[in-house]
C-alpha atoms as a PDB file:
ATOM      1  CA  MET A   1       0.710   5.525  -2.697  1.00  0.00           C
ATOM      2  CA  LYS A   2       2.059   2.712  -0.505  1.00  0.00           C
ATOM      3  CA  ASN A   3       4.885   0.603  -1.940  1.00  0.00           C
ATOM      4  CA  PHE A   4       6.159  -2.670  -0.561  1.00  0.00           C
ATOM      5  CA  GLY A   5       9.904  -3.311  -0.735  1.00  0.00           C
ATOM      6  CA  CYS A   6      11.489  -6.732  -0.917  1.00  0.00           C
ATOM      7  CA  GLY A   7      14.131  -8.237   1.350  1.00  0.00           C
ATOM      8  CA  SER A   8      14.933 -11.498   3.017  1.00  0.00           C
ATOM      9  CA  SER A   9      13.030 -11.874   6.298  1.00  0.00           C
ATOM     10  CA  ARG A  10       9.734 -13.776   6.080  1.00  0.00           C
ATOM     11  CA  ASN A  11       8.325 -11.660   8.915  1.00  0.00           C
ATOM     12  CA  SER A  12       9.228  -8.344   7.289  1.00  0.00           C
ATOM     13  CA  PRO A  13       7.045  -6.539   4.752  1.00  0.00           C
ATOM     14  CA  SER A  14       9.553  -7.584   2.096  1.00  0.00           C
ATOM     15  CA  GLY A  15       9.312 -11.239   3.086  1.00  0.00           C
ATOM     16  CA  ALA A  16       5.534 -10.964   2.880  1.00  0.00           C
ATOM     17  CA  MET A  17       5.862  -9.571  -0.653  1.00  0.00           C
ATOM     18  CA  ARG A  18       7.776 -12.678  -1.678  1.00  0.00           C
ATOM     19  CA  LEU A  19       4.986 -14.836  -0.286  1.00  0.00           C
ATOM     20  CA  ILE A  20       2.380 -12.727  -2.090  1.00  0.00           C
ATOM     21  CA  GLY A  21       4.392 -13.002  -5.291  1.00  0.00           C
ATOM     22  CA  ASN A  22       4.566 -16.777  -4.944  1.00  0.00           C
ATOM     23  CA  MET A  23       0.813 -16.999  -4.504  1.00  0.00           C
ATOM     24  CA  ILE A  24       0.167 -14.825  -7.541  1.00  0.00           C
ATOM     25  CA  SER A  25       2.597 -16.841  -9.634  1.00  0.00           C
ATOM     26  CA  GLU A  26       0.979 -20.117  -8.570  1.00  0.00           C
ATOM     27  CA  ARG A  27      -2.532 -18.807  -9.303  1.00  0.00           C
ATOM     28  CA  ARG A  28      -1.432 -17.499 -12.727  1.00  0.00           C
ATOM     29  CA  LYS A  29       0.010 -20.898 -13.616  1.00  0.00           C
ATOM     30  CA  GLU A  30      -3.089 -22.739 -12.301  1.00  0.00           C
ATOM     31  CA  LYS A  31      -5.185 -20.641 -14.669  1.00  0.00           C
ATOM     32  CA  GLY A  32      -2.826 -21.427 -17.540  1.00  0.00           C
ATOM     33  CA  LEU A  33      -1.921 -17.783 -18.082  1.00  0.00           C
ATOM     34  CA  SER A  34       1.377 -16.491 -19.343  1.00  0.00           C
ATOM     35  CA  ARG A  35       2.736 -13.305 -17.826  1.00  0.00           C
ATOM     36  CA  ALA A  36       2.010 -11.582 -21.122  1.00  0.00           C
ATOM     37  CA  ARG A  37      -1.657 -12.610 -20.978  1.00  0.00           C
ATOM     38  CA  LEU A  38      -1.993 -11.602 -17.324  1.00  0.00           C
ATOM     39  CA  ALA A  39      -0.396  -8.263 -18.189  1.00  0.00           C
ATOM     40  CA  ILE A  40      -3.128  -7.665 -20.763  1.00  0.00           C
ATOM     41  CA  LEU A  41      -5.905  -8.752 -18.384  1.00  0.00           C
ATOM     42  CA  SER A  42      -4.629  -6.669 -15.472  1.00  0.00           C
ATOM     43  CA  GLY A  43      -3.267  -3.615 -17.259  1.00  0.00           C
ATOM     44  CA  VAL A  44       0.100  -4.168 -15.569  1.00  0.00           C
ATOM     45  CA  SER A  45       3.350  -4.479 -17.512  1.00  0.00           C
ATOM     46  CA  VAL A  46       5.133  -7.814 -17.839  1.00  0.00           C
ATOM     47  CA  SER A  47       8.146  -6.362 -16.012  1.00  0.00           C
ATOM     48  CA  GLN A  48       5.920  -5.296 -13.089  1.00  0.00           C
ATOM     49  CA  LEU A  49       4.451  -8.807 -12.944  1.00  0.00           C
ATOM     50  CA  ARG A  50       7.930 -10.294 -12.952  1.00  0.00           C
ATOM     51  CA  SER A  51       8.913  -8.007 -10.061  1.00  0.00           C
ATOM     52  CA  LEU A  52       5.733  -8.834  -8.170  1.00  0.00           C
ATOM     53  CA  GLU A  53       6.089 -12.604  -8.620  1.00  0.00           C
ATOM     54  CA  SER A  54       9.760 -12.657  -7.720  1.00  0.00           C
ATOM     55  CA  GLY A  55       9.539 -10.159  -4.866  1.00  0.00           C
ATOM     56  CA  THR A  56      12.402  -8.104  -6.275  1.00  0.00           C
ATOM     57  CA  GLY A  57      10.802  -4.688  -6.749  1.00  0.00           C
ATOM     58  CA  LYS A  58       8.480  -2.160  -5.194  1.00  0.00           C
ATOM     59  CA  ILE A  59       4.871  -2.691  -6.207  1.00  0.00           C
ATOM     60  CA  SER A  60       2.007  -0.335  -5.386  1.00  0.00           C
ATOM     61  CA  MET A  61      -1.262  -1.437  -3.813  1.00  0.00           C
ATOM     62  CA  VAL A  62      -3.033  -0.412  -7.021  1.00  0.00           C
ATOM     63  CA  THR A  63      -0.866  -2.823  -9.018  1.00  0.00           C
ATOM     64  CA  CYS A  64      -1.546  -5.601  -6.519  1.00  0.00           C
ATOM     65  CA  LEU A  65      -5.286  -4.909  -6.748  1.00  0.00           C
ATOM     66  CA  GLN A  66      -5.223  -4.982 -10.554  1.00  0.00           C
ATOM     67  CA  VAL A  67      -3.403  -8.309 -10.649  1.00  0.00           C
ATOM     68  CA  ALA A  68      -5.576  -9.824  -7.924  1.00  0.00           C
ATOM     69  CA  ALA A  69      -8.745  -8.790  -9.773  1.00  0.00           C
ATOM     70  CA  ALA A  70      -7.479 -10.295 -13.037  1.00  0.00           C
ATOM     71  CA  LEU A  71      -6.884 -13.586 -11.179  1.00  0.00           C
ATOM     72  CA  ASN A  72     -10.280 -13.462  -9.417  1.00  0.00           C
ATOM     73  CA  LEU A  73      -8.581 -13.125  -6.043  1.00  0.00           C
ATOM     74  CA  SER A  74      -9.286 -10.645  -3.301  1.00  0.00           C
ATOM     75  CA  LEU A  75      -6.321  -8.731  -2.018  1.00  0.00           C
ATOM     76  CA  ALA A  76      -7.467  -9.638   1.485  1.00  0.00           C
ATOM     77  CA  ALA A  77      -7.189 -13.358   0.666  1.00  0.00           C
ATOM     78  CA  ILE A  78      -3.708 -12.868  -0.744  1.00  0.00           C
ATOM     79  CA  ILE A  79      -2.573 -10.977   2.352  1.00  0.00           C
ATOM     80  CA  ARG A  80      -4.140 -13.528   4.726  1.00  0.00           C
ATOM     81  CA  ASN A  81      -2.340 -16.304   2.865  1.00  0.00           C
ATOM     82  CA  ALA A  82       0.964 -14.447   3.083  1.00  0.00           C
ATOM     83  CA  GLU A  83       0.458 -13.792   6.796  1.00  0.00           C
ATOM     84  CA  GLY A  84      -0.379 -17.453   7.418  1.00  0.00           C
ATOM     85  CA  ASN A  85       2.671 -18.662   5.520  1.00  0.00           C
ATOM     86  CA  SER A  86       4.982 -16.214   7.275  1.00  0.00           C
ATOM     87  CA  LYS A  87       4.109 -17.825  10.625  1.00  0.00           C
ATOM     88  CA  LYS A  88       5.206 -21.306   9.487  1.00  0.00           C
END
């Protein structure tokens, strides 16, 4: 299973994960969801959500898909957004 690490460069896979995490965090807040509620909806632990949102851990594609589905987002849209923001 593919994992995405987190680092500092916006153009690296780790920089992209930070952008993805920011988008997920913003969407969660727009929907008025706490991390605990999103954890229940997605089947992902609160600590995994924290790692995903902050870009500080390794998150599998399955976890990303679960969170995206719970937020009514496609993973493709999240990735496109991260790619677009990394070019700014």
